Amino acid sequence: MEYLELFFKSIFIDNMVFATFLGMCSYLAVSKKVSTAVGLGAAVIFVMLITVPLNWLLDHYLLQPGALSWLGEEYANYDLSFLSFIMFIATIATMVQLVEIVVEKFSPSLYNSLGIFLPLIAVNCAILGGSLFMQSREIPTLGLATVYGVGSGIGWFLAILAIAAIREKIRYSNVPPALRGLGITFIITGLMAIGFMSFGGMLTGGDKEETKEDKTAQVEVLKNNTEVFANNIKVNK
């Protein structure tokens, strides 16, 4: 249940684009066609699937204070957390280079359509944000880190796919001249972000049920206390 909850939360509630507005450069530039958006979105999912777990391992076994204790007691006091940004970006750049080689080899047309934005995944703030959020939220296990990486990638993929599909349709719509291009795209993005905010209630059903149970228990205690109080009055009479 914990894995499923984190998966859906990273896609809908903590969506990289609509909740934190990360990765907006690629989101706006490569969302003119659905085919291009699908290619870039798939690349982002793959990169986050690999980099978030790898950076989790680096963080827990190398970068955190005391993480080097597995090398011996004399290394327990070392703190390499200041290297987090460098190590995370190096991991991301390596995976992006691998993706670029594979895309260029097997899909030259997609490689040409993505252009400069494919290698720029290495500095995409959504990719780095996934690893930094993983670190700041102190995700406890490698499995949860993997689920979080996949969910965050899918969330970014859904965002760019949705805006690409809408932008293809509004080409034939009567958009006011002042709003054509990025203007209407920003408005649609804001509206979709508001829509995604409604997913915030997806995982709160259990809390509401617990609240109802607590209220029921409080009513029962109040009834018992009332009965005890009434009995005491009768005894005193």
C-alpha atoms as a PDB file:
ATOM      1  CA  MET A   1       0.000   0.000   0.000  1.00  0.00           C
ATOM      2  CA  GLU A   2       2.857   2.374   0.763  1.00  0.00           C
ATOM      3  CA  TYR A   3       4.340   1.828  -2.699  1.00  0.00           C
ATOM      4  CA  LEU A   4       1.001   2.390  -4.437  1.00  0.00           C
ATOM      5  CA  GLU A   5       0.302   5.515  -2.409  1.00  0.00           C
ATOM      6  CA  LEU A   6       3.700   7.021  -3.212  1.00  0.00           C
ATOM      7  CA  PHE A   7       3.301   6.097  -6.892  1.00  0.00           C
ATOM      8  CA  PHE A   8      -0.030   7.881  -7.331  1.00  0.00           C
ATOM      9  CA  LYS A   9       1.028  10.785  -5.138  1.00  0.00           C
ATOM     10  CA  SER A  10       4.149  11.446  -7.236  1.00  0.00           C
ATOM     11  CA  ILE A  11       2.081  11.356 -10.449  1.00  0.00           C
ATOM     12  CA  PHE A  12      -0.969  13.417  -9.542  1.00  0.00           C
ATOM     13  CA  ILE A  13      -0.490  15.281  -6.258  1.00  0.00           C
ATOM     14  CA  ASP A  14       3.231  16.150  -6.419  1.00  0.00           C
ATOM     15  CA  ASN A  15       3.359  16.434 -10.208  1.00  0.00           C
ATOM     16  CA  MET A  16       6.676  17.958 -11.261  1.00  0.00           C
ATOM     17  CA  VAL A  17       5.059  20.394 -13.699  1.00  0.00           C
ATOM     18  CA  PHE A  18       1.719  21.274 -12.141  1.00  0.00           C
ATOM     19  CA  ALA A  19       2.703  21.204  -8.448  1.00  0.00           C
ATOM     20  CA  THR A  20       6.276  22.549  -8.491  1.00  0.00           C
ATOM     21  CA  PHE A  21       6.567  23.901 -12.088  1.00  0.00           C
ATOM     22  CA  LEU A  22       9.883  22.154 -12.716  1.00  0.00           C
ATOM     23  CA  GLY A  23      11.079  21.275 -16.215  1.00  0.00           C
ATOM     24  CA  MET A  24       9.092  24.084 -17.816  1.00  0.00           C
ATOM     25  CA  CYS A  25      11.689  24.847 -20.522  1.00  0.00           C
ATOM     26  CA  SER A  26      11.373  21.461 -22.214  1.00  0.00           C
ATOM     27  CA  TYR A  27       7.678  21.331 -21.360  1.00  0.00           C
ATOM     28  CA  LEU A  28       6.982  24.504 -23.330  1.00  0.00           C
ATOM     29  CA  ALA A  29       9.486  24.035 -26.155  1.00  0.00           C
ATOM     30  CA  VAL A  30       8.896  20.387 -27.117  1.00  0.00           C
ATOM     31  CA  SER A  31       5.115  20.255 -26.679  1.00  0.00           C
ATOM     32  CA  LYS A  32       4.079  21.433 -30.129  1.00  0.00           C
ATOM     33  CA  LYS A  33       3.607  17.868 -31.443  1.00  0.00           C
ATOM     34  CA  VAL A  34       2.340  14.803 -29.617  1.00  0.00           C
ATOM     35  CA  SER A  35       4.910  12.505 -31.237  1.00  0.00           C
ATOM     36  CA  THR A  36       7.805  14.660 -30.049  1.00  0.00           C
ATOM     37  CA  ALA A  37       6.292  15.012 -26.585  1.00  0.00           C
ATOM     38  CA  VAL A  38       5.915  11.230 -26.285  1.00  0.00           C
ATOM     39  CA  GLY A  39       9.566  10.696 -27.214  1.00  0.00           C
ATOM     40  CA  LEU A  40      10.892  13.239 -24.748  1.00  0.00           C
ATOM     41  CA  GLY A  41       8.494  12.065 -22.023  1.00  0.00           C
ATOM     42  CA  ALA A  42       9.641   8.465 -22.443  1.00  0.00           C
ATOM     43  CA  ALA A  43      13.269   9.607 -22.215  1.00  0.00           C
ATOM     44  CA  VAL A  44      12.498  11.513 -18.993  1.00  0.00           C
ATOM     45  CA  ILE A  45      10.799   8.444 -17.465  1.00  0.00           C
ATOM     46  CA  PHE A  46      13.821   6.284 -18.284  1.00  0.00           C
ATOM     47  CA  VAL A  47      16.307   8.800 -16.907  1.00  0.00           C
ATOM     48  CA  MET A  48      14.355   9.249 -13.653  1.00  0.00           C
ATOM     49  CA  LEU A  49      13.870   5.482 -13.315  1.00  0.00           C
ATOM     50  CA  ILE A  50      17.654   5.040 -13.312  1.00  0.00           C
ATOM     51  CA  THR A  51      18.944   8.215 -11.666  1.00  0.00           C
ATOM     52  CA  VAL A  52      16.685   8.474  -8.605  1.00  0.00           C
ATOM     53  CA  PRO A  53      17.580   4.971  -7.269  1.00  0.00           C
ATOM     54  CA  LEU A  54      21.259   5.477  -8.127  1.00  0.00           C
ATOM     55  CA  ASN A  55      21.307   8.818  -6.345  1.00  0.00           C
ATOM     56  CA  TRP A  56      19.517   7.194  -3.387  1.00  0.00           C
ATOM     57  CA  LEU A  57      22.387   4.705  -3.137  1.00  0.00           C
ATOM     58  CA  LEU A  58      24.948   7.494  -3.412  1.00  0.00           C
ATOM     59  CA  ASP A  59      23.144   9.514  -0.767  1.00  0.00           C
ATOM     60  CA  HIS A  60      22.828   6.647   1.744  1.00  0.00           C
ATOM     61  CA  TYR A  61      26.217   5.014   1.275  1.00  0.00           C
ATOM     62  CA  LEU A  62      28.458   7.952   0.382  1.00  0.00           C
ATOM     63  CA  LEU A  63      27.058  11.454   0.912  1.00  0.00           C
ATOM     64  CA  GLN A  64      25.117  11.509   4.189  1.00  0.00           C
ATOM     65  CA  PRO A  65      26.915  12.283   7.458  1.00  0.00           C
ATOM     66  CA  GLY A  66      28.284   8.980   8.733  1.00  0.00           C
ATOM     67  CA  ALA A  67      27.412   7.158   5.502  1.00  0.00           C
ATOM     68  CA  LEU A  68      31.006   5.961   5.124  1.00  0.00           C
ATOM     69  CA  SER A  69      30.889   3.970   8.356  1.00  0.00           C
ATOM     70  CA  TRP A  70      30.671   0.782   6.282  1.00  0.00           C
ATOM     71  CA  LEU A  71      34.330   1.399   5.338  1.00  0.00           C
ATOM     72  CA  GLY A  72      35.389   1.422   8.993  1.00  0.00           C
ATOM     73  CA  GLU A  73      34.956   3.335  12.217  1.00  0.00           C
ATOM     74  CA  GLU A  74      37.613   5.870  11.252  1.00  0.00           C
ATOM     75  CA  TYR A  75      35.366   7.066   8.372  1.00  0.00           C
ATOM     76  CA  ALA A  76      32.183   7.423  10.447  1.00  0.00           C
ATOM     77  CA  ASN A  77      32.703  11.158  11.051  1.00  0.00           C
ATOM     78  CA  TYR A  78      33.103  12.086   7.385  1.00  0.00           C
ATOM     79  CA  ASP A  79      30.387  14.278   5.852  1.00  0.00           C
ATOM     80  CA  LEU A  80      30.332  14.493   2.046  1.00  0.00           C
ATOM     81  CA  SER A  81      26.880  16.028   1.736  1.00  0.00           C
ATOM     82  CA  PHE A  82      28.401  19.123   0.073  1.00  0.00           C
ATOM     83  CA  LEU A  83      29.053  16.925  -2.975  1.00  0.00           C
ATOM     84  CA  SER A  84      25.365  16.087  -3.466  1.00  0.00           C
ATOM     85  CA  PHE A  85      24.719  18.431  -6.385  1.00  0.00           C
ATOM     86  CA  ILE A  86      27.877  17.400  -8.233  1.00  0.00           C
ATOM     87  CA  MET A  87      27.306  13.681  -7.771  1.00  0.00           C
ATOM     88  CA  PHE A  88      23.604  13.853  -8.663  1.00  0.00           C
ATOM     89  CA  ILE A  89      24.251  15.870 -11.827  1.00  0.00           C
ATOM     90  CA  ALA A  90      27.092  13.533 -12.845  1.00  0.00           C
ATOM     91  CA  THR A  91      24.771  10.529 -12.540  1.00  0.00           C
ATOM     92  CA  ILE A  92      22.045  12.298 -14.512  1.00  0.00           C
ATOM     93  CA  ALA A  93      24.463  13.416 -17.253  1.00  0.00           C
ATOM     94  CA  THR A  94      25.741   9.858 -17.669  1.00  0.00           C
ATOM     95  CA  MET A  95      22.231   8.445 -18.112  1.00  0.00           C
ATOM     96  CA  VAL A  96      21.242  11.247 -20.490  1.00  0.00           C
ATOM     97  CA  GLN A  97      24.280  10.541 -22.629  1.00  0.00           C
ATOM     98  CA  LEU A  98      23.226   6.895 -22.803  1.00  0.00           C
ATOM     99  CA  VAL A  99      19.681   7.880 -23.822  1.00  0.00           C
ATOM    100  CA  GLU A 100      21.019  10.259 -26.471  1.00  0.00           C
ATOM    101  CA  ILE A 101      23.173   7.522 -28.016  1.00  0.00           C
ATOM    102  CA  VAL A 102      20.263   5.054 -28.080  1.00  0.00           C
ATOM    103  CA  VAL A 103      17.774   7.552 -29.580  1.00  0.00           C
ATOM    104  CA  GLU A 104      20.248   8.684 -32.231  1.00  0.00           C
ATOM    105  CA  LYS A 105      20.949   5.062 -33.157  1.00  0.00           C
ATOM    106  CA  PHE A 106      17.384   3.716 -33.345  1.00  0.00           C
ATOM    107  CA  SER A 107      15.266   6.812 -34.104  1.00  0.00           C
ATOM    108  CA  PRO A 108      17.178   9.513 -36.001  1.00  0.00           C
ATOM    109  CA  SER A 109      13.951  11.375 -36.835  1.00  0.00           C
ATOM    110  CA  LEU A 110      13.035  11.701 -33.155  1.00  0.00           C
ATOM    111  CA  TYR A 111      16.629  12.674 -32.353  1.00  0.00           C
ATOM    112  CA  ASN A 112      16.466  15.485 -34.927  1.00  0.00           C
ATOM    113  CA  SER A 113      13.043  16.671 -33.771  1.00  0.00           C
ATOM    114  CA  LEU A 114      14.115  16.852 -30.121  1.00  0.00           C
ATOM    115  CA  GLY A 115      17.239  18.777 -31.100  1.00  0.00           C
ATOM    116  CA  ILE A 116      19.112  20.466 -28.271  1.00  0.00           C
ATOM    117  CA  PHE A 117      16.460  19.565 -25.703  1.00  0.00           C
ATOM    118  CA  LEU A 118      17.514  15.900 -25.549  1.00  0.00           C
ATOM    119  CA  PRO A 119      21.014  16.572 -24.157  1.00  0.00           C
ATOM    120  CA  LEU A 120      19.505  19.365 -22.029  1.00  0.00           C
ATOM    121  CA  ILE A 121      17.681  16.690 -20.012  1.00  0.00           C
ATOM    122  CA  ALA A 122      20.946  16.556 -18.063  1.00  0.00           C
ATOM    123  CA  VAL A 123      20.205  20.016 -16.656  1.00  0.00           C
ATOM    124  CA  ASN A 124      16.423  19.642 -16.619  1.00  0.00           C
ATOM    125  CA  CYS A 125      15.383  20.862 -13.178  1.00  0.00           C
ATOM    126  CA  ALA A 126      12.630  18.221 -13.043  1.00  0.00           C
ATOM    127  CA  ILE A 127      15.227  15.434 -13.254  1.00  0.00           C
ATOM    128  CA  LEU A 128      17.458  16.987 -10.605  1.00  0.00           C
ATOM    129  CA  GLY A 129      14.387  17.917  -8.569  1.00  0.00           C
ATOM    130  CA  GLY A 130      13.370  14.253  -8.393  1.00  0.00           C
ATOM    131  CA  SER A 131      16.671  13.321  -6.763  1.00  0.00           C
ATOM    132  CA  LEU A 132      16.680  16.335  -4.449  1.00  0.00           C
ATOM    133  CA  PHE A 133      13.088  15.723  -3.344  1.00  0.00           C
ATOM    134  CA  MET A 134      13.996  12.091  -2.729  1.00  0.00           C
ATOM    135  CA  GLN A 135      16.831  13.277  -0.498  1.00  0.00           C
ATOM    136  CA  SER A 136      14.887  16.003   1.337  1.00  0.00           C
ATOM    137  CA  ARG A 137      11.862  13.769   1.972  1.00  0.00           C
ATOM    138  CA  GLU A 138      14.156  11.070   3.342  1.00  0.00           C
ATOM    139  CA  ILE A 139      12.634   8.201   1.366  1.00  0.00           C
ATOM    140  CA  PRO A 140      13.668   5.182   3.460  1.00  0.00           C
ATOM    141  CA  THR A 141      14.201   2.335   0.965  1.00  0.00           C
ATOM    142  CA  LEU A 142      15.598   1.768  -2.501  1.00  0.00           C
ATOM    143  CA  GLY A 143      12.282   0.309  -3.659  1.00  0.00           C
ATOM    144  CA  LEU A 144      10.365   3.425  -2.631  1.00  0.00           C
ATOM    145  CA  ALA A 145      12.986   5.604  -4.326  1.00  0.00           C
ATOM    146  CA  THR A 146      12.513   3.625  -7.554  1.00  0.00           C
ATOM    147  CA  VAL A 147       8.725   3.973  -7.332  1.00  0.00           C
ATOM    148  CA  TYR A 148       9.079   7.696  -6.677  1.00  0.00           C
ATOM    149  CA  GLY A 149      11.381   8.110  -9.691  1.00  0.00           C
ATOM    150  CA  VAL A 150       9.039   6.229 -12.025  1.00  0.00           C
ATOM    151  CA  GLY A 151       5.972   8.063 -10.715  1.00  0.00           C
ATOM    152  CA  SER A 152       7.609  11.468 -11.079  1.00  0.00           C
ATOM    153  CA  GLY A 153       8.681  10.628 -14.627  1.00  0.00           C
ATOM    154  CA  ILE A 154       5.188   9.459 -15.551  1.00  0.00           C
ATOM    155  CA  GLY A 155       3.718  12.620 -14.042  1.00  0.00           C
ATOM    156  CA  TRP A 156       5.989  14.789 -16.209  1.00  0.00           C
ATOM    157  CA  PHE A 157       5.161  12.599 -19.224  1.00  0.00           C
ATOM    158  CA  LEU A 158       1.409  13.042 -18.698  1.00  0.00           C
ATOM    159  CA  ALA A 159       1.848  16.795 -18.346  1.00  0.00           C
ATOM    160  CA  ILE A 160       3.765  17.278 -21.588  1.00  0.00           C
ATOM    161  CA  LEU A 161       1.513  14.814 -23.441  1.00  0.00           C
ATOM    162  CA  ALA A 162      -1.630  16.661 -22.324  1.00  0.00           C
ATOM    163  CA  ILE A 163      -0.353  20.099 -23.292  1.00  0.00           C
ATOM    164  CA  ALA A 164       0.940  18.793 -26.637  1.00  0.00           C
ATOM    165  CA  ALA A 165      -2.458  17.302 -27.491  1.00  0.00           C
ATOM    166  CA  ILE A 166      -4.189  20.565 -26.539  1.00  0.00           C
ATOM    167  CA  ARG A 167      -1.721  22.700 -28.501  1.00  0.00           C
ATOM    168  CA  GLU A 168      -2.300  20.607 -31.620  1.00  0.00           C
ATOM    169  CA  LYS A 169      -6.047  21.218 -31.308  1.00  0.00           C
ATOM    170  CA  ILE A 170      -5.949  24.949 -30.567  1.00  0.00           C
ATOM    171  CA  ARG A 171      -4.080  25.587 -33.819  1.00  0.00           C
ATOM    172  CA  TYR A 172      -7.479  25.412 -35.473  1.00  0.00           C
ATOM    173  CA  SER A 173      -9.264  27.408 -32.780  1.00  0.00           C
ATOM    174  CA  ASN A 174     -10.078  31.097 -32.828  1.00  0.00           C
ATOM    175  CA  VAL A 175      -7.563  32.217 -30.191  1.00  0.00           C
ATOM    176  CA  PRO A 176      -7.230  36.007 -29.700  1.00  0.00           C
ATOM    177  CA  PRO A 177      -4.042  37.258 -31.387  1.00  0.00           C
ATOM    178  CA  ALA A 178      -2.580  38.564 -28.127  1.00  0.00           C
ATOM    179  CA  LEU A 179      -2.799  35.101 -26.548  1.00  0.00           C
ATOM    180  CA  ARG A 180      -1.510  32.984 -29.409  1.00  0.00           C
ATOM    181  CA  GLY A 181       1.618  30.939 -28.758  1.00  0.00           C
ATOM    182  CA  LEU A 182       2.992  30.858 -25.231  1.00  0.00           C
ATOM    183  CA  GLY A 183       0.246  33.080 -23.833  1.00  0.00           C
ATOM    184  CA  ILE A 184      -2.572  30.567 -24.228  1.00  0.00           C
ATOM    185  CA  THR A 185      -0.159  27.764 -23.291  1.00  0.00           C
ATOM    186  CA  PHE A 186       0.551  29.379 -19.923  1.00  0.00           C
ATOM    187  CA  ILE A 187      -3.177  29.870 -19.306  1.00  0.00           C
ATOM    188  CA  ILE A 188      -3.941  26.229 -20.130  1.00  0.00           C
ATOM    189  CA  THR A 189      -1.045  25.089 -17.929  1.00  0.00           C
ATOM    190  CA  GLY A 190      -2.419  27.103 -15.018  1.00  0.00           C
ATOM    191  CA  LEU A 191      -5.895  25.647 -15.515  1.00  0.00           C
ATOM    192  CA  MET A 192      -4.509  22.107 -15.630  1.00  0.00           C
ATOM    193  CA  ALA A 193      -2.499  22.809 -12.475  1.00  0.00           C
ATOM    194  CA  ILE A 194      -5.722  23.850 -10.729  1.00  0.00           C
ATOM    195  CA  GLY A 195      -7.342  20.646 -11.983  1.00  0.00           C
ATOM    196  CA  PHE A 196      -4.490  18.531 -10.650  1.00  0.00           C
ATOM    197  CA  MET A 197      -4.887  20.203  -7.246  1.00  0.00           C
ATOM    198  CA  SER A 198      -8.186  18.354  -6.937  1.00  0.00           C
ATOM    199  CA  PHE A 199      -6.241  15.084  -6.754  1.00  0.00           C
ATOM    200  CA  GLY A 200      -5.001  16.212  -3.342  1.00  0.00           C
ATOM    201  CA  GLY A 201      -8.020  14.547  -1.759  1.00  0.00           C
ATOM    202  CA  MET A 202      -7.276  11.132  -3.262  1.00  0.00           C
ATOM    203  CA  LEU A 203      -5.313   9.856  -0.285  1.00  0.00           C
ATOM    204  CA  THR A 204      -7.233  11.502   2.557  1.00  0.00           C
ATOM    205  CA  GLY A 205     -10.180   9.096   2.752  1.00  0.00           C
ATOM    206  CA  GLY A 206      -8.589   7.079   5.547  1.00  0.00           C
ATOM    207  CA  ASP A 207      -8.056  10.183   7.652  1.00  0.00           C
ATOM    208  CA  LYS A 208     -11.739  11.128   7.342  1.00  0.00           C
ATOM    209  CA  GLU A 209     -12.835   7.656   8.393  1.00  0.00           C
ATOM    210  CA  GLU A 210     -10.566   7.812  11.404  1.00  0.00           C
ATOM    211  CA  THR A 211     -12.032  11.191  12.318  1.00  0.00           C
ATOM    212  CA  LYS A 212     -15.567   9.778  12.198  1.00  0.00           C
ATOM    213  CA  GLU A 213     -14.513   6.877  14.402  1.00  0.00           C
ATOM    214  CA  ASP A 214     -12.946   9.281  16.878  1.00  0.00           C
ATOM    215  CA  LYS A 215     -16.132  11.350  17.000  1.00  0.00           C
ATOM    216  CA  THR A 216     -18.226   8.195  17.563  1.00  0.00           C
ATOM    217  CA  ALA A 217     -15.952   7.141  20.409  1.00  0.00           C
ATOM    218  CA  GLN A 218     -16.201  10.607  21.964  1.00  0.00           C
ATOM    219  CA  VAL A 219     -20.025  10.465  21.806  1.00  0.00           C
ATOM    220  CA  GLU A 220     -20.050   7.056  23.484  1.00  0.00           C
ATOM    221  CA  VAL A 221     -17.752   8.294  26.261  1.00  0.00           C
ATOM    222  CA  LEU A 222     -20.007  11.308  26.742  1.00  0.00           C
ATOM    223  CA  LYS A 223     -23.085   9.051  27.022  1.00  0.00           C
ATOM    224  CA  ASN A 224     -21.348   6.826  29.582  1.00  0.00           C
ATOM    225  CA  ASN A 225     -20.309   9.835  31.629  1.00  0.00           C
ATOM    226  CA  THR A 226     -23.881  11.161  31.503  1.00  0.00           C
ATOM    227  CA  GLU A 227     -25.273   7.835  32.725  1.00  0.00           C
ATOM    228  CA  VAL A 228     -22.728   7.683  35.560  1.00  0.00           C
ATOM    229  CA  PHE A 229     -23.594  11.251  36.529  1.00  0.00           C
ATOM    230  CA  ALA A 230     -27.355  10.423  36.529  1.00  0.00           C
ATOM    231  CA  ASN A 231     -26.770   7.327  38.685  1.00  0.00           C
ATOM    232  CA  ASN A 232     -24.773   9.343  41.183  1.00  0.00           C
ATOM    233  CA  ILE A 233     -27.629  11.841  41.471  1.00  0.00           C
ATOM    234  CA  LYS A 234     -30.105   9.003  42.164  1.00  0.00           C
ATOM    235  CA  VAL A 235     -27.824   7.517  44.827  1.00  0.00           C
ATOM    236  CA  ASN A 236     -27.433  10.863  46.542  1.00  0.00           C
ATOM    237  CA  LYS A 237     -31.197  11.308  46.612  1.00  0.00           C
END
